[in-house]
Protein backbone atom coordinates (compact mmCIF):
# COMPACT_ATOMS: atom_id res chain seq x y z
CA UNK A 1 -5.85 -4.99 6.11
CA UNK A 2 -7.90 -4.48 9.31
CA UNK A 3 -9.87 -7.70 8.69
CA UNK A 4 -10.65 -8.27 12.37
CA UNK A 5 -11.78 -4.67 12.99
CA UNK A 6 -13.88 -4.70 9.83
CA UNK A 7 -15.59 -7.93 10.91
CA UNK A 8 -16.44 -6.59 14.37
CA UNK A 9 -17.76 -3.29 12.99
CA UNK A 10 -19.91 -5.17 10.49
CA UNK A 11 -21.37 -7.15 13.38
CA UNK A 12 -22.26 -3.89 15.17
CA UNK A 13 -24.04 -2.59 12.06
CA UNK A 14 -25.90 -5.89 11.58
CA UNK A 15 -27.65 -5.30 14.89
CA UNK A 16 -29.59 -2.57 13.11
CA UNK A 17 -30.73 -4.84 10.29
CA UNK A 18 -34.51 -5.11 10.23
CA UNK A 19 -34.94 -2.03 12.42
CA UNK A 20 -37.33 0.58 11.05
CA UNK A 21 -35.27 3.52 12.27
CA UNK A 22 -32.55 4.55 14.68
CA UNK A 23 -33.72 4.70 18.26
CA UNK A 24 -31.98 5.52 21.51
CA UNK A 25 -31.95 1.80 22.40
CA UNK A 26 -30.54 0.38 19.14
CA UNK A 27 -28.07 3.27 18.85
CA UNK A 28 -26.77 2.50 22.35
CA UNK A 29 -26.38 -1.21 21.48
CA UNK A 30 -24.51 -0.49 18.26
CA UNK A 31 -22.27 2.12 19.86
CA UNK A 32 -21.34 -0.35 22.59
CA UNK A 33 -20.30 -2.93 19.96
CA UNK A 34 -18.33 -0.30 18.01
CA UNK A 35 -16.47 0.69 21.17
CA UNK A 36 -15.60 -2.94 21.87
CA UNK A 37 -14.38 -3.36 18.29
CA UNK A 38 -12.11 -0.32 18.59
CA UNK A 39 -10.64 -1.39 21.94
CA UNK A 40 -9.93 -4.88 20.54
CA UNK A 41 -8.18 -3.14 17.62
CA UNK A 42 -5.80 -1.60 20.20
CA UNK A 43 -7.43 1.83 20.31
CA UNK A 44 -6.99 3.51 23.69
CA UNK A 45 -10.24 3.16 25.71
CA UNK A 46 -10.48 6.90 26.40
CA UNK A 47 -10.24 7.69 22.66
CA UNK A 48 -12.70 4.89 21.79
CA UNK A 49 -15.16 6.26 24.35
CA UNK A 50 -14.87 9.82 23.07
CA UNK A 51 -15.19 8.63 19.48
CA UNK A 52 -18.31 6.54 20.13
CA UNK A 53 -19.90 9.30 22.21
CA UNK A 54 -19.66 11.54 19.14
CA UNK A 55 -21.22 8.81 17.00
CA UNK A 56 -24.05 8.40 19.51
CA UNK A 57 -24.78 12.15 19.58
CA UNK A 58 -24.69 12.36 15.78
CA UNK A 59 -26.94 9.30 15.39
CA UNK A 60 -29.48 10.63 17.87
CA UNK A 61 -29.46 13.97 16.07
CA UNK A 62 -30.21 12.44 12.67
CA UNK A 63 -32.55 9.62 13.71
CA UNK A 64 -35.67 11.65 12.94
CA UNK A 65 -34.30 13.47 9.91
CA UNK A 66 -33.30 10.73 7.47
CA UNK A 67 -36.08 8.16 7.87
CA UNK A 68 -35.74 7.16 4.21
CA UNK A 69 -32.22 5.81 4.84
CA UNK A 70 -31.85 2.35 6.36
CA UNK A 71 -30.58 2.53 9.98
CA UNK A 72 -27.54 0.35 9.26
CA UNK A 73 -26.50 2.45 6.26
CA UNK A 74 -26.98 5.66 8.22
CA UNK A 75 -24.82 4.36 11.09
CA UNK A 76 -22.06 3.34 8.62
CA UNK A 77 -22.11 6.87 7.17
CA UNK A 78 -21.89 8.46 10.63
CA UNK A 79 -19.03 6.14 11.70
CA UNK A 80 -17.14 6.81 8.48
CA UNK A 81 -17.44 10.60 8.81
CA UNK A 82 -16.23 10.52 12.43
CA UNK A 83 -13.40 8.12 11.50
CA UNK A 84 -12.21 10.46 8.75
CA UNK A 85 -12.20 13.33 11.22
CA UNK A 86 -10.33 11.26 13.84
CA UNK A 87 -7.57 10.47 11.31
CA UNK A 88 -7.07 14.10 10.31
CA UNK A 89 -9.84 14.96 7.86
CA UNK A 90 -7.70 15.39 4.76
CA UNK A 91 -4.34 14.40 3.30
CA UNK A 92 -1.31 16.56 4.08
CA UNK A 93 1.52 16.94 1.57
CA UNK A 94 5.25 16.71 2.15
CA UNK A 95 7.41 19.86 2.14
CA UNK A 96 10.48 19.39 -0.07
CA UNK A 97 11.04 23.03 -0.99
CA UNK A 98 14.61 24.26 -0.76
CA UNK A 99 17.93 24.15 -2.56
CA UNK A 100 17.94 21.28 -1.89
CA UNK A 101 14.93 20.35 0.22
CA UNK A 102 16.00 18.17 3.14
CA UNK A 103 13.91 15.31 4.56
CA UNK A 104 15.02 13.74 7.85
CA UNK A 105 13.85 10.17 8.56
CA UNK A 106 13.57 9.01 12.18
CA UNK A 107 12.19 5.91 13.93
CA UNK A 108 12.91 2.77 15.88
CA UNK A 109 15.04 -0.07 14.56
CA UNK A 110 12.99 -2.49 12.48
CA UNK A 111 10.27 0.02 11.68
CA UNK A 112 11.17 0.07 7.97
CA UNK A 113 13.00 3.42 7.80
CA UNK A 114 15.59 2.43 5.20
CA UNK A 115 13.04 0.77 2.92
CA UNK A 116 10.77 3.80 3.29
CA UNK A 117 13.69 6.08 2.35
CA UNK A 118 13.92 4.25 -0.99
CA UNK A 119 10.15 4.32 -1.46
CA UNK A 120 10.03 8.06 -0.80
CA UNK A 121 12.92 8.64 -3.22
CA UNK A 122 11.04 6.76 -5.94
CA UNK A 123 7.80 8.59 -5.10
CA UNK A 124 9.44 12.02 -5.37
CA UNK A 125 11.21 11.04 -8.58
CA UNK A 126 8.13 9.62 -10.33
CA UNK A 127 5.37 11.82 -8.91
CA UNK A 128 7.17 15.15 -8.64
CA UNK A 129 9.96 14.68 -11.21
CA UNK A 130 12.65 15.49 -8.64
CA UNK A 131 16.30 14.45 -8.59
CA UNK A 132 16.82 12.71 -5.23
CA UNK A 133 19.92 11.97 -3.15
CA UNK A 134 19.79 9.67 -0.11
CA UNK A 135 22.29 10.03 2.72
CA UNK A 136 23.41 6.92 4.62
CA UNK A 137 23.63 8.16 8.22
CA UNK A 138 22.92 4.89 10.03
CA UNK A 139 26.47 4.28 11.17
CA UNK A 140 25.70 1.49 13.65
CA UNK A 141 23.57 -1.24 12.09
CA UNK A 142 25.62 -3.85 10.20
CA UNK A 143 25.04 -3.70 6.44
CA UNK A 144 22.75 -0.63 6.76
CA UNK A 145 24.82 1.31 4.22
CA UNK A 146 24.87 -1.66 1.83
CA UNK A 147 21.09 -2.03 2.15
CA UNK A 148 20.49 1.65 1.39
CA UNK A 149 22.92 1.49 -1.56
CA UNK A 150 20.91 -1.32 -3.17
CA UNK A 151 17.57 0.39 -2.47
CA UNK A 152 18.80 3.73 -3.83
CA UNK A 153 19.90 2.05 -7.05
CA UNK A 154 16.49 0.39 -7.40
CA UNK A 155 14.77 3.74 -6.84
CA UNK A 156 16.98 5.55 -9.32
CA UNK A 157 18.34 7.87 -6.62
CA UNK A 158 21.88 9.00 -5.88
CA UNK A 159 23.55 8.00 -2.61
CA UNK A 160 26.04 9.77 -0.36
CA UNK A 161 27.92 7.52 2.06
CA UNK A 162 31.12 7.40 4.07
CA UNK A 163 31.91 3.94 5.42
CA UNK A 164 34.81 5.28 7.49
CA UNK A 165 32.93 7.97 9.43
CA UNK A 166 30.88 7.31 12.57
CA UNK A 167 29.55 10.87 12.83
CA UNK A 168 25.99 11.15 11.40
CA UNK A 169 25.97 14.94 11.84
CA UNK A 170 29.08 15.35 9.68
CA UNK A 171 27.87 12.85 7.06
CA UNK A 172 24.46 14.52 6.75
CA UNK A 173 25.98 18.02 6.39
CA UNK A 174 28.40 16.83 3.70
CA UNK A 175 25.57 15.01 1.92
CA UNK A 176 23.54 18.22 1.72
CA UNK A 177 26.54 20.14 0.40
CA UNK A 178 27.13 17.38 -2.17
CA UNK A 179 23.46 17.55 -3.17
CA UNK A 180 23.67 21.31 -3.59
CA UNK A 181 26.79 21.09 -5.75
CA UNK A 182 25.39 18.32 -7.97
CA UNK A 183 21.94 19.66 -8.73
CA UNK A 184 19.83 17.42 -6.48
CA UNK A 185 16.38 18.78 -5.62
CA UNK A 186 15.95 16.72 -2.43
CA UNK A 187 18.26 15.04 0.09
CA UNK A 188 16.70 12.30 2.24
CA UNK A 189 18.68 11.60 5.41
CA UNK A 190 18.28 8.04 6.72
CA UNK A 191 19.27 7.87 10.39
CA UNK A 192 19.96 5.05 12.84
CA UNK A 193 17.23 3.41 14.88
CA UNK A 194 17.33 1.71 18.25
CA UNK A 195 15.40 -1.13 19.81
CA UNK A 196 13.76 1.27 22.26
CA UNK A 197 13.51 4.98 22.91
CA UNK A 198 16.71 5.94 24.75
CA UNK A 199 18.59 9.11 25.61
CA UNK A 200 21.56 8.43 23.34
CA UNK A 201 19.32 7.94 20.33
CA UNK A 202 17.25 11.02 21.06
CA UNK A 203 20.36 13.11 21.61
CA UNK A 204 21.84 11.98 18.30
CA UNK A 205 18.71 12.55 16.19
CA UNK A 206 18.26 15.90 17.94
CA UNK A 207 21.81 16.97 17.01
CA UNK A 208 21.32 15.87 13.40
CA UNK A 209 18.08 17.83 13.11
CA UNK A 210 19.60 20.94 14.68
CA UNK A 211 22.58 20.80 12.31
CA UNK A 212 20.78 20.20 9.01
CA UNK A 213 17.55 22.15 9.67
CA UNK A 214 15.36 19.86 7.51
CA UNK A 215 12.37 21.19 5.58
CA UNK A 216 10.53 18.01 6.60
CA UNK A 217 11.02 15.52 9.44
CA UNK A 218 9.15 12.21 9.20
CA UNK A 219 8.71 9.63 11.94
CA UNK A 220 8.45 6.05 10.63
CA UNK A 221 6.57 3.57 12.80
CA UNK A 222 5.56 -0.08 12.47
CA UNK A 223 1.75 -0.06 12.48
CA UNK A 224 1.65 -3.70 13.62
CA UNK A 225 2.73 -2.61 17.10
CA UNK A 226 -0.67 -0.96 17.60
CA UNK A 227 -0.97 1.36 20.60
CA UNK A 228 2.76 0.97 21.31
CA UNK A 229 3.35 2.66 17.96
CA UNK A 230 1.25 5.62 19.10
CA UNK A 231 3.11 5.86 22.41
CA UNK A 232 6.49 5.76 20.63
CA UNK A 233 5.31 8.42 18.18
CA UNK A 234 4.36 10.64 21.10
CA UNK A 235 7.74 10.17 22.81
CA UNK A 236 9.66 11.02 19.63
CA UNK A 237 7.54 14.06 18.91
CA UNK A 238 8.24 15.52 22.33
CA UNK A 239 11.96 15.48 21.52
CA UNK A 240 12.27 16.24 17.78
CA UNK A 241 8.88 17.81 16.98
CA UNK A 242 8.52 16.06 13.61
CA UNK A 243 6.16 17.13 10.83
CA UNK A 244 4.41 13.89 10.00
CA UNK A 245 4.07 10.15 10.57
CA UNK A 246 4.68 7.24 8.19
CA UNK A 247 2.88 3.96 8.97
CA UNK A 248 4.65 0.89 7.60
CA UNK A 249 3.60 -2.79 7.33
CA UNK A 250 -0.08 -2.03 6.85
CA UNK A 251 -0.28 -5.21 4.76
CA UNK A 252 0.44 -7.30 7.85
CA UNK A 253 -1.81 -8.35 10.72
CA UNK A 254 -2.67 -4.77 11.59
CA UNK A 255 -5.30 -4.19 14.25
CA UNK A 256 -5.85 -0.56 13.30
CA UNK A 257 -5.09 1.26 16.55
CA UNK A 258 -2.12 3.21 15.18
CA UNK A 259 -3.84 4.35 11.97
CA UNK A 260 -6.93 5.49 13.86
CA UNK A 261 -5.39 7.29 16.81
CA UNK A 262 -1.89 8.59 16.05
CA UNK A 263 -3.20 11.91 14.70
CA UNK A 264 -5.49 12.36 17.72
CA UNK A 265 -2.74 11.49 20.22
CA UNK A 266 0.28 13.23 18.70
CA UNK A 267 -1.42 16.06 16.81
CA UNK A 268 0.69 15.36 13.73
CA UNK A 269 -0.72 14.05 10.44
CA UNK A 270 -0.07 10.65 8.92
CA UNK A 271 1.54 11.53 5.58
CA UNK A 272 2.33 8.14 4.04
CA UNK A 273 1.36 4.50 4.48
CA UNK A 274 3.41 1.54 3.28
CA UNK A 275 1.78 -1.76 2.33
CA UNK A 276 4.62 -4.05 1.26
CA UNK A 277 8.34 -4.51 0.69
CA UNK A 278 8.37 -3.37 -2.94
CA UNK A 279 9.31 0.23 -3.67
CA UNK A 280 6.03 1.04 -5.41
CA UNK A 281 3.94 0.07 -2.38
CA UNK A 282 3.82 3.55 -0.89
CA UNK A 283 0.62 5.60 -0.74
CA UNK A 284 -0.09 9.15 0.30
CA UNK A 285 -2.37 8.87 3.34
CA UNK A 286 -5.96 9.88 2.67
CA UNK A 287 -8.19 9.64 5.80
CA UNK A 288 -11.36 9.12 3.76
CA UNK A 289 -9.84 6.27 1.74
CA UNK A 290 -8.46 4.63 4.88
CA UNK A 291 -11.88 4.83 6.55
CA UNK A 292 -13.39 3.12 3.51
CA UNK A 293 -10.84 0.31 3.79
CA UNK A 294 -11.46 -0.13 7.51
CA UNK A 295 -15.20 -0.35 6.88
CA UNK A 296 -14.73 -2.91 4.08
CA UNK A 297 -15.76 -0.55 1.28
CA UNK A 298 -12.54 -0.93 -0.71
CA UNK A 299 -10.48 1.92 -2.11
CA UNK A 300 -10.97 2.03 -5.85
CA UNK A 301 -9.32 5.47 -6.22
CA UNK A 302 -6.01 4.19 -4.81
CA UNK A 303 -6.33 1.04 -6.94
CA UNK A 304 -6.68 3.12 -10.12
CA UNK A 305 -3.75 5.34 -9.08
CA UNK A 306 -1.55 2.26 -8.55
CA UNK A 307 -2.54 0.96 -11.98
CA UNK A 308 -1.80 4.32 -13.61
CA UNK A 309 1.64 4.38 -12.00
CA UNK A 310 2.48 1.19 -13.89
CA UNK A 311 0.83 2.26 -17.14
CA UNK A 312 3.19 2.66 -20.07
CA UNK A 313 1.45 4.37 -22.99
CA UNK A 314 3.91 3.15 -25.64
CA UNK A 315 3.74 -0.40 -24.33
CA UNK A 316 -0.08 -0.23 -24.23
CA UNK A 317 -0.21 0.84 -27.90
CA UNK A 318 2.20 -1.93 -28.87
CA UNK A 319 0.10 -4.53 -27.05
CA UNK A 320 -3.09 -3.16 -28.59
CA UNK A 321 -1.69 -3.58 -32.10
CA UNK A 322 -0.65 -7.16 -31.36
CA UNK A 323 -4.06 -8.01 -29.94
CA UNK A 324 -5.80 -6.61 -33.03
CA UNK A 325 -3.61 -8.81 -35.22
CA UNK A 326 -4.16 -11.77 -32.85
CA UNK A 327 -0.39 -11.85 -32.24
CA UNK A 328 -0.43 -11.46 -28.43
CA UNK A 329 2.21 -13.93 -27.21
CA UNK A 330 3.67 -15.37 -24.00
CA UNK A 331 6.28 -12.59 -23.73
CA UNK A 332 3.48 -10.01 -23.76
CA UNK A 333 1.52 -12.00 -21.17
CA UNK A 334 4.55 -12.24 -18.87
CA UNK A 335 5.04 -8.48 -19.17
CA UNK A 336 1.44 -7.87 -18.08
CA UNK A 337 1.86 -10.15 -15.07
CA UNK A 338 4.96 -8.24 -14.02
CA UNK A 339 3.07 -4.94 -14.25
CA UNK A 340 0.38 -6.31 -11.92
CA UNK A 341 3.03 -7.60 -9.52
CA UNK A 342 4.72 -4.19 -9.35
CA UNK A 343 1.44 -2.69 -8.15
CA UNK A 344 1.93 -4.44 -4.81
CA UNK A 345 0.64 -7.28 -2.66
CA UNK A 346 -2.14 -9.14 -4.50
CA UNK A 347 -4.51 -9.53 -1.56
CA UNK A 348 -4.13 -5.84 -0.65
CA UNK A 349 -4.88 -4.90 -4.25
CA UNK A 350 -7.98 -7.08 -4.36
CA UNK A 351 -9.20 -5.59 -1.08
CA UNK A 352 -9.09 -2.15 -2.70
CA UNK A 353 -11.89 -3.25 -5.03
CA UNK A 354 -15.31 -2.63 -3.41
CA UNK A 355 -16.91 -5.87 -2.25
CA UNK A 356 -13.76 -7.99 -2.69
CA UNK A 357 -12.66 -7.93 0.98
CA UNK A 358 -15.41 -10.38 1.97
CA UNK A 359 -14.56 -12.70 -0.93
CA UNK A 360 -10.82 -12.76 -0.16
CA UNK A 361 -11.13 -12.95 3.63
CA UNK A 362 -10.50 -16.69 3.84
CA UNK A 363 -8.42 -17.04 0.69
CA UNK A 364 -4.68 -17.60 0.85
CA UNK A 365 -3.55 -15.12 -1.80
CA UNK A 366 0.10 -14.19 -1.98
CA UNK A 367 2.60 -12.87 -4.47
CA UNK A 368 3.56 -16.40 -5.54
CA UNK A 369 0.15 -16.77 -7.21
CA UNK A 370 1.74 -16.14 -10.62
CA UNK A 371 4.70 -18.43 -9.97
CA UNK A 372 3.18 -21.46 -11.71
CA UNK A 373 2.42 -19.49 -14.88
CA UNK A 374 5.84 -17.84 -14.90
CA UNK A 375 7.67 -21.15 -14.49
CA UNK A 376 5.79 -22.58 -17.48
CA UNK A 377 6.57 -19.60 -19.72
CA UNK A 378 10.19 -19.43 -18.61
CA UNK A 379 10.63 -23.10 -19.55
CA UNK A 380 9.80 -22.26 -23.18
CA UNK A 381 12.40 -21.30 -25.77
CA UNK A 382 12.41 -17.65 -26.96
CA UNK A 383 10.94 -18.87 -30.26
CA UNK A 384 8.07 -20.64 -28.48
CA UNK A 385 7.28 -17.62 -26.33
CA UNK A 386 6.90 -15.47 -29.41
CA UNK A 387 4.97 -18.10 -31.41
CA UNK A 388 2.39 -19.96 -29.26
CA UNK A 389 1.19 -21.97 -32.27
CA UNK A 390 4.53 -23.89 -32.27
CA UNK A 391 3.61 -25.76 -29.09
CA UNK A 392 3.05 -29.34 -30.23
CA UNK A 393 2.96 -32.33 -27.86
CA UNK A 394 6.71 -32.91 -28.01
CA UNK A 395 7.44 -29.32 -27.02
CA UNK A 396 4.81 -29.44 -24.25
CA UNK A 397 6.45 -32.53 -22.73
CA UNK A 398 9.82 -30.78 -22.70
CA UNK A 399 8.27 -27.68 -21.06
CA UNK A 400 6.56 -29.87 -18.44
CA UNK A 401 9.91 -31.43 -17.48
CA UNK A 402 11.60 -28.01 -17.41
CA UNK A 403 9.13 -26.45 -14.96
CA UNK A 404 8.31 -29.56 -12.92
CA UNK A 405 4.62 -29.61 -13.92
CA UNK A 406 2.57 -32.40 -15.44
CA UNK A 407 1.41 -32.36 -19.05
CA UNK A 408 -2.23 -31.77 -17.98
CA UNK A 409 -1.25 -28.46 -16.31
CA UNK A 410 0.66 -27.38 -19.43
CA UNK A 411 -2.29 -28.20 -21.69
CA UNK A 412 -4.73 -26.40 -19.36
CA UNK A 413 -2.61 -23.23 -19.25
CA UNK A 414 -2.11 -23.15 -23.04
CA UNK A 415 -5.84 -23.69 -23.59
CA UNK A 416 -6.72 -20.85 -21.19
CA UNK A 417 -4.14 -18.60 -22.81
CA UNK A 418 -5.57 -19.35 -26.26
CA UNK A 419 -9.12 -18.61 -25.05
CA UNK A 420 -7.96 -15.34 -23.49
CA UNK A 421 -6.11 -14.34 -26.67
CA UNK A 422 -9.18 -15.02 -28.84
CA UNK A 423 -11.40 -13.12 -26.42
CA UNK A 424 -9.14 -10.05 -26.44
CA UNK A 425 -8.96 -10.20 -30.24
CA UNK A 426 -12.78 -10.28 -30.51
CA UNK A 427 -13.09 -7.31 -28.14
CA UNK A 428 -10.51 -5.34 -30.11
CA UNK A 429 -12.63 -5.86 -33.23
CA UNK A 430 -15.73 -4.58 -31.43
CA UNK A 431 -17.67 -7.84 -31.75
CA UNK A 432 -19.30 -7.44 -28.35
CA UNK A 433 -19.98 -9.53 -25.30
CA UNK A 434 -22.17 -12.12 -27.05
CA UNK A 435 -19.38 -13.11 -29.44
CA UNK A 436 -16.86 -13.03 -26.64
CA UNK A 437 -18.88 -15.49 -24.57
CA UNK A 438 -18.82 -18.07 -27.37
CA UNK A 439 -15.31 -18.97 -26.22
CA UNK A 440 -16.66 -20.25 -22.89
CA UNK A 441 -18.57 -23.54 -22.66
CA UNK A 442 -21.90 -23.21 -20.89
CA UNK A 443 -22.04 -19.42 -21.29
CA UNK A 444 -24.47 -19.22 -24.19
CA UNK A 445 -22.10 -20.03 -27.04
CA UNK A 446 -21.22 -23.26 -28.82
CA UNK A 447 -19.48 -25.89 -26.76
């Protein structure tokens, strides 16, 4: 996320390395580089200029006050504070109050509206314990209703649809009435998108909004379109006056222009950001956390929150007991891998950990990283998965044929699994790091 912008900003801060303090000259040089970085990230020049002018004034004002702080570190702090302010200062919640609360989803075709509808339904269900109904009001796109039906089922939400009707106003009104009669707390109305902003689309979304009087209207925009996303957001806001913005596809090749400037340009807060196709990859937008990501500092708070979302207390206790008895098996291991996968895109997750963005910059990490391990485990019999000690050479050869791997790969995986199992068992017994390291050749223990 924002790799190119992060790299260019780092270069601007490096210019201050070795400097004794901030001066008018080195501030001006750094500010110039920061401005260039922002413009290359598709930030409007006028906004970039205003932003860097504020940074310059702030840096000049503090140059003689904080001499104990290294100039580069001080400039990073100033840039981060101004970036947080530019993106809205603080997170803004979603309004779902009502009987039921009604959320209207708007945006261009291909922006990820339907997927976001499912993500929001899951978010409201899991985070706020609400019963959610989604309304299929995209009556034009082929298979749109089928797509939303599948997503709603995955999110554990109800769905209201009418495959015969072509009137989104009527469908949305009936959906709300159905939600009211069946005890739903929230109705999310997914509307049709178009390939460009046009009068017919604006007229339709305007009529839907006027009819249903939503408690919250969200505009979904593809962040990969950069400044075009900001311009589209502005055009939509002038017509439907929405309450907040949702940025999708932040896991892609995002330059950063939309995330940085949509609040400044439109005057409406970013409420959610989406970083993948899976339903759990939705985050409440926090300007301070986003600034940290842009500056390569990671986002450990969001990482921990993602992990907690997948944490199952009963399962954790069950696993703990098995580890203590040294009975952790391949089924348990596969379950842990699936929990990690549900947290989202692996590279995005690693970049949330402070310091990891530099290490993963040139690595090709994708969600197929666990595929090799999964194929090996899935080629085992249920008995073998539950009893790793059964794996003799004959069984290993059969597994190798089943998953299309060679016997060396099978042996290596089983050895690593055995080492990991022993290590976890030692830790559960409180035997400490020294004992744990004995399982690794060359790390101070026996080889």
